[in-house]
Amino acid sequence: MALALQSCSQAQTAKKVTMSETNKNNPVYSNSDSAKVELSNDEWKKILSPEVFHIARQKGTERPFTSKFETSKEVGTYFCAACGNSLFKSDTKFESGCGWPSFYEPISKGSIIYTPDNSYGMSRTEVQCGRCKAHLGHVFDDGPPPTGLRYCINGVILDFKKAEEAKKNYEKNQ
């Protein structure tokens, strides 16, 4: 476990960016579009903040215990900060103590892609966004019931909308 935490604790020193700043110049960001997004790294670099680009496209990791989402108990939905794809509901979030936001189940089967990750001499399962293939983090089999899984996700790659805000946006788009 210590080795896993060590490998996930590479320093991230850039400033934090809010959701509105992150998505202002991002034409592919959508909480309702499910079309796959395929852009080159050069195109991603133009529309993502340096922090989100580092995690999403370079498979970076934020420092543990630095995410504003790690201990958040707000009710709502977590989205991919790169493309807006819905990833996790807040009622699947739990306190794992690992230093990153943890969830026991994604919002849908298609919201996450699973890929083998044998970097740093470890055998892990990487999780990526099902829409844009952004690196999110890793999944481990030491989570709580009912799934027994722990999705250990970088907070930098997450956007969050409170339940009331999400409902208003949904109704507005209908």
N, C-alpha and C. Protein backbone atom coordinates (compact mmCIF):
# COMPACT_ATOMS: atom_id res chain seq x y z
N MET A 1 0.83 -1.20 0.00
CA MET A 1 0.00 0.00 0.00
C MET A 1 0.87 1.25 0.00
N ALA A 2 1.95 1.24 0.80
CA ALA A 2 2.82 2.40 0.86
C ALA A 2 3.44 2.68 -0.50
N LEU A 3 3.82 1.62 -1.21
CA LEU A 3 4.39 1.78 -2.54
C LEU A 3 3.38 2.39 -3.50
N ALA A 4 2.14 1.98 -3.39
CA ALA A 4 1.08 2.54 -4.25
C ALA A 4 0.89 4.01 -3.95
N LEU A 5 0.89 4.38 -2.67
CA LEU A 5 0.74 5.78 -2.31
C LEU A 5 1.93 6.59 -2.79
N GLN A 6 3.13 6.02 -2.66
CA GLN A 6 4.32 6.71 -3.11
C GLN A 6 4.26 7.00 -4.60
N SER A 7 3.82 6.02 -5.37
CA SER A 7 3.76 6.21 -6.81
C SER A 7 2.68 7.21 -7.21
N CYS A 8 1.71 7.41 -6.34
CA CYS A 8 0.63 8.36 -6.64
C CYS A 8 0.90 9.74 -6.07
N SER A 9 2.09 9.97 -5.51
CA SER A 9 2.30 11.23 -4.81
C SER A 9 3.31 12.15 -5.47
N GLN A 10 3.46 12.06 -6.78
CA GLN A 10 4.34 12.98 -7.47
C GLN A 10 3.81 14.39 -7.29
N ALA A 11 4.71 15.32 -7.05
CA ALA A 11 4.31 16.69 -6.71
C ALA A 11 3.60 17.39 -7.87
N GLN A 12 2.58 18.12 -7.53
CA GLN A 12 1.82 18.94 -8.47
C GLN A 12 1.81 20.33 -7.87
N THR A 13 2.55 21.28 -8.47
CA THR A 13 2.74 22.58 -7.84
C THR A 13 1.95 23.71 -8.47
N ALA A 14 1.27 23.48 -9.55
CA ALA A 14 0.56 24.55 -10.24
C ALA A 14 -0.66 25.01 -9.46
N LYS A 15 -1.14 26.24 -9.77
CA LYS A 15 -2.29 26.78 -9.05
C LYS A 15 -3.57 26.03 -9.37
N LYS A 16 -4.51 26.06 -8.46
CA LYS A 16 -5.81 25.43 -8.66
C LYS A 16 -6.66 26.30 -9.58
N VAL A 17 -7.46 25.68 -10.41
CA VAL A 17 -8.31 26.39 -11.36
C VAL A 17 -9.75 25.97 -11.11
N THR A 18 -10.66 26.93 -11.16
CA THR A 18 -12.05 26.60 -10.92
C THR A 18 -12.68 26.01 -12.17
N MET A 19 -13.85 25.36 -12.00
CA MET A 19 -14.52 24.71 -13.11
C MET A 19 -14.83 25.70 -14.22
N SER A 20 -15.33 26.89 -13.90
CA SER A 20 -15.69 27.84 -14.94
C SER A 20 -14.46 28.30 -15.72
N GLU A 21 -13.31 28.47 -15.03
CA GLU A 21 -12.08 28.85 -15.71
C GLU A 21 -11.61 27.72 -16.61
N THR A 22 -11.71 26.49 -16.13
CA THR A 22 -11.23 25.32 -16.86
C THR A 22 -11.99 25.15 -18.17
N ASN A 23 -13.29 25.35 -18.17
CA ASN A 23 -14.12 25.00 -19.32
C ASN A 23 -14.47 26.17 -20.22
N LYS A 24 -14.06 27.35 -19.86
CA LYS A 24 -14.43 28.54 -20.62
C LYS A 24 -14.01 28.42 -22.09
N ASN A 25 -12.82 27.88 -22.35
CA ASN A 25 -12.32 27.78 -23.72
C ASN A 25 -12.27 26.34 -24.22
N ASN A 26 -13.12 25.50 -23.67
CA ASN A 26 -13.10 24.08 -24.02
C ASN A 26 -14.36 23.72 -24.82
N PRO A 27 -14.26 23.66 -26.14
CA PRO A 27 -15.45 23.40 -26.97
C PRO A 27 -15.99 21.98 -26.86
N VAL A 28 -15.23 21.03 -26.33
CA VAL A 28 -15.72 19.65 -26.23
C VAL A 28 -16.37 19.37 -24.87
N TYR A 29 -16.28 20.32 -23.93
CA TYR A 29 -16.82 20.09 -22.59
C TYR A 29 -18.35 20.10 -22.64
N SER A 30 -18.96 19.00 -22.18
CA SER A 30 -20.41 18.90 -22.14
C SER A 30 -20.82 17.85 -21.10
N ASN A 31 -21.80 18.19 -20.30
CA ASN A 31 -22.35 17.22 -19.34
C ASN A 31 -23.45 16.37 -19.95
N SER A 32 -23.80 16.62 -21.22
CA SER A 32 -24.88 15.86 -21.84
C SER A 32 -24.48 15.12 -23.12
N ASP A 33 -23.41 15.55 -23.77
CA ASP A 33 -22.96 14.92 -25.01
C ASP A 33 -22.18 13.64 -24.67
N SER A 34 -22.57 12.53 -25.28
CA SER A 34 -21.88 11.27 -25.01
C SER A 34 -20.96 10.84 -26.16
N ALA A 35 -20.84 11.68 -27.20
CA ALA A 35 -19.97 11.36 -28.32
C ALA A 35 -18.52 11.30 -27.86
N LYS A 36 -17.79 10.31 -28.36
CA LYS A 36 -16.38 10.15 -28.01
C LYS A 36 -15.59 11.37 -28.47
N VAL A 37 -14.60 11.75 -27.68
CA VAL A 37 -13.76 12.89 -28.00
C VAL A 37 -12.36 12.38 -28.30
N GLU A 38 -11.88 12.69 -29.50
CA GLU A 38 -10.53 12.29 -29.90
C GLU A 38 -9.80 13.52 -30.41
N LEU A 39 -8.89 14.02 -29.59
CA LEU A 39 -8.07 15.17 -29.94
C LEU A 39 -6.60 14.81 -29.76
N SER A 40 -5.74 15.51 -30.47
CA SER A 40 -4.30 15.31 -30.28
C SER A 40 -3.89 15.97 -28.96
N ASN A 41 -2.73 15.61 -28.45
CA ASN A 41 -2.25 16.26 -27.23
C ASN A 41 -2.04 17.76 -27.44
N ASP A 42 -1.65 18.16 -28.64
CA ASP A 42 -1.50 19.59 -28.92
C ASP A 42 -2.84 20.31 -28.82
N GLU A 43 -3.91 19.67 -29.34
CA GLU A 43 -5.25 20.27 -29.23
C GLU A 43 -5.70 20.32 -27.78
N TRP A 44 -5.47 19.24 -27.01
CA TRP A 44 -5.84 19.22 -25.59
C TRP A 44 -5.10 20.31 -24.84
N LYS A 45 -3.84 20.48 -25.14
CA LYS A 45 -3.02 21.46 -24.43
C LYS A 45 -3.58 22.88 -24.60
N LYS A 46 -4.19 23.15 -25.73
CA LYS A 46 -4.76 24.48 -26.00
C LYS A 46 -6.03 24.74 -25.19
N ILE A 47 -6.78 23.69 -24.85
CA ILE A 47 -8.08 23.91 -24.21
C ILE A 47 -8.13 23.52 -22.73
N LEU A 48 -7.12 22.81 -22.23
CA LEU A 48 -7.11 22.42 -20.82
C LEU A 48 -6.13 23.28 -20.03
N SER A 49 -6.42 23.46 -18.76
CA SER A 49 -5.46 24.13 -17.89
C SER A 49 -4.23 23.24 -17.78
N PRO A 50 -3.08 23.80 -17.44
CA PRO A 50 -1.88 22.98 -17.29
C PRO A 50 -2.05 21.85 -16.27
N GLU A 51 -2.80 22.10 -15.20
CA GLU A 51 -3.02 21.09 -14.16
C GLU A 51 -3.83 19.92 -14.68
N VAL A 52 -4.93 20.23 -15.37
CA VAL A 52 -5.79 19.18 -15.91
C VAL A 52 -5.06 18.43 -17.03
N PHE A 53 -4.34 19.15 -17.87
CA PHE A 53 -3.58 18.51 -18.95
C PHE A 53 -2.57 17.52 -18.37
N HIS A 54 -1.85 17.91 -17.34
CA HIS A 54 -0.84 17.05 -16.73
C HIS A 54 -1.45 15.72 -16.25
N ILE A 55 -2.59 15.80 -15.58
CA ILE A 55 -3.23 14.58 -15.09
C ILE A 55 -3.86 13.80 -16.24
N ALA A 56 -4.68 14.48 -17.04
CA ALA A 56 -5.48 13.82 -18.08
C ALA A 56 -4.66 13.22 -19.20
N ARG A 57 -3.71 13.95 -19.71
CA ARG A 57 -3.00 13.52 -20.91
C ARG A 57 -1.61 12.95 -20.63
N GLN A 58 -1.00 13.35 -19.49
CA GLN A 58 0.35 12.88 -19.18
C GLN A 58 0.34 11.86 -18.04
N LYS A 59 -0.84 11.44 -17.63
CA LYS A 59 -1.01 10.46 -16.55
C LYS A 59 -0.31 10.89 -15.26
N GLY A 60 -0.43 12.17 -14.98
CA GLY A 60 0.17 12.71 -13.76
C GLY A 60 -0.66 12.36 -12.53
N THR A 61 -0.14 12.74 -11.39
CA THR A 61 -0.82 12.51 -10.12
C THR A 61 -0.65 13.73 -9.24
N GLU A 62 -1.73 14.17 -8.62
CA GLU A 62 -1.62 15.27 -7.68
C GLU A 62 -1.10 14.75 -6.35
N ARG A 63 -0.56 15.62 -5.54
CA ARG A 63 -0.09 15.23 -4.21
C ARG A 63 -1.28 14.75 -3.38
N PRO A 64 -1.07 13.74 -2.54
CA PRO A 64 -2.17 13.27 -1.69
C PRO A 64 -2.61 14.35 -0.70
N PHE A 65 -3.87 14.30 -0.32
CA PHE A 65 -4.49 15.19 0.66
C PHE A 65 -4.51 16.65 0.23
N THR A 66 -4.44 16.93 -1.10
CA THR A 66 -4.50 18.30 -1.59
C THR A 66 -5.80 18.62 -2.33
N SER A 67 -6.60 17.62 -2.64
CA SER A 67 -7.83 17.85 -3.40
C SER A 67 -8.94 18.38 -2.50
N LYS A 68 -9.62 19.40 -2.98
CA LYS A 68 -10.77 19.92 -2.24
C LYS A 68 -11.90 18.90 -2.19
N PHE A 69 -11.87 17.90 -3.06
CA PHE A 69 -12.93 16.88 -3.09
C PHE A 69 -12.65 15.70 -2.15
N GLU A 70 -11.43 15.58 -1.66
CA GLU A 70 -11.08 14.39 -0.88
C GLU A 70 -12.00 14.19 0.32
N THR A 71 -12.32 15.25 1.04
CA THR A 71 -13.18 15.11 2.23
C THR A 71 -14.56 15.75 2.04
N SER A 72 -14.87 16.18 0.82
CA SER A 72 -16.15 16.83 0.56
C SER A 72 -17.32 15.85 0.80
N LYS A 73 -18.38 16.39 1.39
CA LYS A 73 -19.58 15.59 1.63
C LYS A 73 -20.79 16.17 0.90
N GLU A 74 -20.56 17.09 -0.03
CA GLU A 74 -21.66 17.70 -0.77
C GLU A 74 -22.34 16.67 -1.67
N VAL A 75 -23.64 16.86 -1.88
CA VAL A 75 -24.44 15.95 -2.70
C VAL A 75 -24.48 16.47 -4.13
N GLY A 76 -24.14 15.58 -5.07
CA GLY A 76 -24.15 15.96 -6.48
C GLY A 76 -23.45 14.93 -7.33
N THR A 77 -22.93 15.41 -8.46
CA THR A 77 -22.31 14.53 -9.45
C THR A 77 -20.91 15.03 -9.78
N TYR A 78 -19.99 14.07 -9.93
CA TYR A 78 -18.61 14.36 -10.33
C TYR A 78 -18.46 14.08 -11.82
N PHE A 79 -17.83 15.02 -12.52
CA PHE A 79 -17.66 14.94 -13.97
C PHE A 79 -16.18 14.98 -14.32
N CYS A 80 -15.84 14.53 -15.52
CA CYS A 80 -14.48 14.63 -16.04
C CYS A 80 -14.19 16.10 -16.33
N ALA A 81 -13.12 16.64 -15.78
CA ALA A 81 -12.78 18.04 -15.99
C ALA A 81 -12.29 18.31 -17.41
N ALA A 82 -11.90 17.27 -18.14
CA ALA A 82 -11.44 17.45 -19.51
C ALA A 82 -12.58 17.54 -20.51
N CYS A 83 -13.62 16.70 -20.32
CA CYS A 83 -14.69 16.66 -21.34
C CYS A 83 -16.11 16.81 -20.79
N GLY A 84 -16.29 16.76 -19.47
CA GLY A 84 -17.61 16.93 -18.89
C GLY A 84 -18.41 15.65 -18.72
N ASN A 85 -17.84 14.50 -19.06
CA ASN A 85 -18.52 13.22 -18.93
C ASN A 85 -18.85 12.93 -17.45
N SER A 86 -20.06 12.45 -17.17
CA SER A 86 -20.41 12.11 -15.79
C SER A 86 -19.68 10.84 -15.38
N LEU A 87 -19.08 10.88 -14.18
CA LEU A 87 -18.24 9.78 -13.71
C LEU A 87 -18.77 9.10 -12.46
N PHE A 88 -19.07 9.88 -11.41
CA PHE A 88 -19.45 9.31 -10.12
C PHE A 88 -20.53 10.16 -9.47
N LYS A 89 -21.42 9.52 -8.73
CA LYS A 89 -22.38 10.23 -7.89
C LYS A 89 -21.79 10.33 -6.49
N SER A 90 -22.13 11.39 -5.80
CA SER A 90 -21.57 11.62 -4.47
C SER A 90 -21.95 10.54 -3.47
N ASP A 91 -23.07 9.84 -3.69
CA ASP A 91 -23.46 8.81 -2.72
C ASP A 91 -22.62 7.53 -2.85
N THR A 92 -21.69 7.49 -3.84
CA THR A 92 -20.77 6.36 -3.95
C THR A 92 -19.37 6.75 -3.45
N LYS A 93 -19.24 7.95 -2.94
CA LYS A 93 -17.97 8.45 -2.42
C LYS A 93 -17.81 8.00 -0.97
N PHE A 94 -16.59 7.68 -0.58
CA PHE A 94 -16.33 7.28 0.80
C PHE A 94 -14.95 7.74 1.24
N GLU A 95 -14.75 7.81 2.53
CA GLU A 95 -13.47 8.20 3.12
C GLU A 95 -12.56 6.99 3.17
N SER A 96 -11.57 6.93 2.29
CA SER A 96 -10.67 5.77 2.27
C SER A 96 -9.39 6.03 3.04
N GLY A 97 -9.06 7.31 3.27
CA GLY A 97 -7.83 7.64 3.96
C GLY A 97 -6.60 7.59 3.07
N CYS A 98 -6.78 7.37 1.76
CA CYS A 98 -5.63 7.23 0.86
C CYS A 98 -5.08 8.57 0.39
N GLY A 99 -5.82 9.66 0.58
CA GLY A 99 -5.34 10.98 0.18
C GLY A 99 -5.95 11.52 -1.09
N TRP A 100 -6.78 10.73 -1.74
CA TRP A 100 -7.46 11.15 -2.96
C TRP A 100 -8.95 10.84 -2.84
N PRO A 101 -9.80 11.56 -3.56
CA PRO A 101 -11.22 11.22 -3.55
C PRO A 101 -11.40 9.75 -3.96
N SER A 102 -12.23 9.04 -3.20
CA SER A 102 -12.45 7.61 -3.47
C SER A 102 -13.93 7.33 -3.64
N PHE A 103 -14.23 6.44 -4.57
CA PHE A 103 -15.59 6.05 -4.89
C PHE A 103 -15.63 4.53 -5.00
N TYR A 104 -16.80 3.94 -4.75
CA TYR A 104 -16.88 2.48 -4.88
C TYR A 104 -17.57 2.03 -6.16
N GLU A 105 -18.12 2.99 -6.95
CA GLU A 105 -18.82 2.59 -8.17
C GLU A 105 -18.94 3.78 -9.12
N PRO A 106 -18.66 3.57 -10.42
CA PRO A 106 -18.88 4.66 -11.39
C PRO A 106 -20.37 4.84 -11.66
N ILE A 107 -20.70 5.95 -12.29
CA ILE A 107 -22.09 6.29 -12.56
C ILE A 107 -22.72 5.33 -13.57
N SER A 108 -21.92 4.80 -14.50
CA SER A 108 -22.40 3.81 -15.47
C SER A 108 -21.22 2.97 -15.96
N LYS A 109 -21.53 1.85 -16.59
CA LYS A 109 -20.45 1.00 -17.11
C LYS A 109 -19.62 1.71 -18.16
N GLY A 110 -20.24 2.53 -18.97
CA GLY A 110 -19.53 3.21 -20.05
C GLY A 110 -18.80 4.48 -19.64
N SER A 111 -18.98 4.92 -18.41
CA SER A 111 -18.34 6.17 -18.00
C SER A 111 -16.85 6.00 -17.73
N ILE A 112 -16.41 4.77 -17.55
CA ILE A 112 -15.02 4.47 -17.20
C ILE A 112 -14.46 3.42 -18.16
N ILE A 113 -13.18 3.57 -18.52
CA ILE A 113 -12.44 2.57 -19.28
C ILE A 113 -11.34 2.04 -18.35
N TYR A 114 -11.12 0.74 -18.40
CA TYR A 114 -10.12 0.09 -17.55
C TYR A 114 -8.94 -0.35 -18.41
N THR A 115 -7.72 0.01 -18.01
CA THR A 115 -6.54 -0.40 -18.76
C THR A 115 -5.45 -0.88 -17.80
N PRO A 116 -4.68 -1.89 -18.21
CA PRO A 116 -3.59 -2.36 -17.35
C PRO A 116 -2.52 -1.27 -17.20
N ASP A 117 -1.95 -1.15 -16.02
CA ASP A 117 -0.89 -0.19 -15.76
C ASP A 117 0.21 -0.92 -14.99
N ASN A 118 1.32 -1.16 -15.65
CA ASN A 118 2.45 -1.85 -15.03
C ASN A 118 3.62 -0.90 -14.78
N SER A 119 3.33 0.39 -14.67
CA SER A 119 4.38 1.37 -14.42
C SER A 119 4.89 1.28 -12.98
N TYR A 120 6.06 1.81 -12.76
CA TYR A 120 6.68 1.86 -11.43
C TYR A 120 6.83 0.49 -10.79
N GLY A 121 6.94 -0.56 -11.61
CA GLY A 121 7.14 -1.90 -11.10
C GLY A 121 5.93 -2.49 -10.38
N MET A 122 4.76 -1.92 -10.62
CA MET A 122 3.53 -2.40 -9.98
C MET A 122 2.55 -2.87 -11.05
N SER A 123 1.63 -3.73 -10.65
CA SER A 123 0.55 -4.16 -11.53
C SER A 123 -0.74 -3.58 -10.98
N ARG A 124 -1.29 -2.59 -11.71
CA ARG A 124 -2.51 -1.90 -11.26
C ARG A 124 -3.47 -1.80 -12.44
N THR A 125 -4.67 -1.32 -12.14
CA THR A 125 -5.64 -1.05 -13.19
C THR A 125 -5.90 0.45 -13.22
N GLU A 126 -5.55 1.06 -14.35
CA GLU A 126 -5.80 2.48 -14.56
C GLU A 126 -7.26 2.67 -14.94
N VAL A 127 -7.85 3.77 -14.50
CA VAL A 127 -9.19 4.13 -14.96
C VAL A 127 -9.08 5.42 -15.76
N GLN A 128 -9.78 5.40 -16.90
CA GLN A 128 -9.81 6.54 -17.80
C GLN A 128 -11.26 6.94 -18.04
N CYS A 129 -11.45 8.18 -18.44
CA CYS A 129 -12.78 8.65 -18.81
C CYS A 129 -13.26 7.88 -20.03
N GLY A 130 -14.49 7.41 -19.99
CA GLY A 130 -15.07 6.65 -21.09
C GLY A 130 -15.35 7.48 -22.32
N ARG A 131 -15.34 8.80 -22.20
CA ARG A 131 -15.63 9.67 -23.34
C ARG A 131 -14.36 10.19 -24.01
N CYS A 132 -13.37 10.62 -23.20
CA CYS A 132 -12.18 11.25 -23.79
C CYS A 132 -10.88 10.53 -23.47
N LYS A 133 -10.95 9.45 -22.72
CA LYS A 133 -9.79 8.65 -22.33
C LYS A 133 -8.80 9.41 -21.46
N ALA A 134 -9.27 10.42 -20.73
CA ALA A 134 -8.40 11.12 -19.79
C ALA A 134 -8.03 10.19 -18.65
N HIS A 135 -6.79 10.27 -18.20
CA HIS A 135 -6.37 9.51 -17.02
C HIS A 135 -7.09 10.08 -15.81
N LEU A 136 -7.73 9.21 -15.03
CA LEU A 136 -8.44 9.63 -13.83
C LEU A 136 -7.70 9.20 -12.56
N GLY A 137 -7.19 7.99 -12.57
CA GLY A 137 -6.54 7.41 -11.40
C GLY A 137 -6.47 5.91 -11.56
N HIS A 138 -6.70 5.19 -10.46
CA HIS A 138 -6.63 3.73 -10.48
C HIS A 138 -7.78 3.14 -9.66
N VAL A 139 -8.07 1.87 -9.90
CA VAL A 139 -9.08 1.16 -9.13
C VAL A 139 -8.39 0.00 -8.42
N PHE A 140 -8.77 -0.20 -7.15
CA PHE A 140 -8.20 -1.25 -6.32
C PHE A 140 -9.33 -2.10 -5.76
N ASP A 141 -9.02 -3.31 -5.34
CA ASP A 141 -10.06 -4.22 -4.83
C ASP A 141 -10.12 -4.24 -3.31
N ASP A 142 -9.88 -3.10 -2.68
CA ASP A 142 -9.93 -3.01 -1.21
C ASP A 142 -10.98 -2.00 -0.73
N GLY A 143 -12.04 -1.84 -1.52
CA GLY A 143 -13.09 -0.89 -1.18
C GLY A 143 -14.22 -1.51 -0.38
N PRO A 144 -15.20 -0.70 -0.05
CA PRO A 144 -16.33 -1.16 0.76
C PRO A 144 -17.39 -1.89 -0.06
N PRO A 145 -18.31 -2.56 0.61
CA PRO A 145 -19.48 -3.13 -0.08
C PRO A 145 -20.28 -1.98 -0.70
N PRO A 146 -21.05 -2.18 -1.71
CA PRO A 146 -21.39 -3.48 -2.26
C PRO A 146 -20.42 -3.98 -3.32
N THR A 147 -19.49 -3.13 -3.82
CA THR A 147 -18.63 -3.55 -4.93
C THR A 147 -17.29 -4.10 -4.48
N GLY A 148 -16.80 -3.67 -3.31
CA GLY A 148 -15.47 -4.05 -2.86
C GLY A 148 -14.37 -3.32 -3.61
N LEU A 149 -14.73 -2.29 -4.39
CA LEU A 149 -13.76 -1.56 -5.19
C LEU A 149 -13.50 -0.17 -4.60
N ARG A 150 -12.28 0.32 -4.85
CA ARG A 150 -11.91 1.69 -4.45
C ARG A 150 -11.33 2.38 -5.68
N TYR A 151 -12.13 3.28 -6.25
CA TYR A 151 -11.66 4.11 -7.36
C TYR A 151 -10.95 5.29 -6.73
N CYS A 152 -9.64 5.32 -6.85
CA CYS A 152 -8.78 6.36 -6.28
C CYS A 152 -8.53 7.38 -7.39
N ILE A 153 -9.19 8.54 -7.31
CA ILE A 153 -9.26 9.48 -8.43
C ILE A 153 -8.57 10.80 -8.09
N ASN A 154 -7.82 11.32 -9.03
CA ASN A 154 -7.20 12.63 -8.86
C ASN A 154 -8.29 13.71 -8.83
N GLY A 155 -8.30 14.53 -7.80
CA GLY A 155 -9.30 15.58 -7.70
C GLY A 155 -9.18 16.62 -8.80
N VAL A 156 -7.97 16.84 -9.33
CA VAL A 156 -7.76 17.83 -10.39
C VAL A 156 -8.57 17.49 -11.63
N ILE A 157 -8.79 16.21 -11.89
CA ILE A 157 -9.50 15.79 -13.09
C ILE A 157 -11.02 15.73 -12.86
N LEU A 158 -11.47 16.12 -11.69
CA LEU A 158 -12.90 16.09 -11.37
C LEU A 158 -13.49 17.49 -11.35
N ASP A 159 -14.67 17.62 -11.91
CA ASP A 159 -15.54 18.78 -11.73
C ASP A 159 -16.73 18.28 -10.92
N PHE A 160 -17.37 19.16 -10.20
CA PHE A 160 -18.48 18.76 -9.35
C PHE A 160 -19.63 19.73 -9.54
N LYS A 161 -20.82 19.19 -9.65
CA LYS A 161 -22.03 20.01 -9.65
C LYS A 161 -22.93 19.52 -8.53
N LYS A 162 -23.35 20.48 -7.71
CA LYS A 162 -24.29 20.15 -6.64
C LYS A 162 -25.59 19.65 -7.25
N ALA A 163 -26.30 18.84 -6.50
CA ALA A 163 -27.53 18.23 -7.00
C ALA A 163 -28.53 19.26 -7.52
N GLU A 164 -28.72 20.36 -6.80
CA GLU A 164 -29.70 21.37 -7.23
C GLU A 164 -29.27 22.01 -8.54
N GLU A 165 -27.97 22.30 -8.67
CA GLU A 165 -27.46 22.93 -9.89
C GLU A 165 -27.61 22.00 -11.08
N ALA A 166 -27.31 20.74 -10.89
CA ALA A 166 -27.43 19.75 -11.97
C ALA A 166 -28.88 19.63 -12.42
N LYS A 167 -29.80 19.62 -11.46
CA LYS A 167 -31.22 19.50 -11.79
C LYS A 167 -31.69 20.72 -12.60
N LYS A 168 -31.27 21.92 -12.20
CA LYS A 168 -31.65 23.12 -12.94
C LYS A 168 -31.11 23.09 -14.36
N ASN A 169 -29.84 22.68 -14.52
CA ASN A 169 -29.24 22.59 -15.85
C ASN A 169 -29.97 21.56 -16.72
N TYR A 170 -30.34 20.44 -16.12
CA TYR A 170 -31.05 19.40 -16.87
C TYR A 170 -32.41 19.91 -17.35
N GLU A 171 -33.14 20.54 -16.43
CA GLU A 171 -34.47 21.07 -16.78
C GLU A 171 -34.37 22.16 -17.85
N LYS A 172 -33.33 22.97 -17.77
CA LYS A 172 -33.13 24.06 -18.74
C LYS A 172 -32.88 23.49 -20.14
N ASN A 173 -32.19 22.36 -20.21
CA ASN A 173 -31.84 21.76 -21.51
C ASN A 173 -32.94 20.87 -22.08
N GLN A 174 -34.03 20.66 -21.37
CA GLN A 174 -35.12 19.81 -21.86
C GLN A 174 -36.11 20.58 -22.70
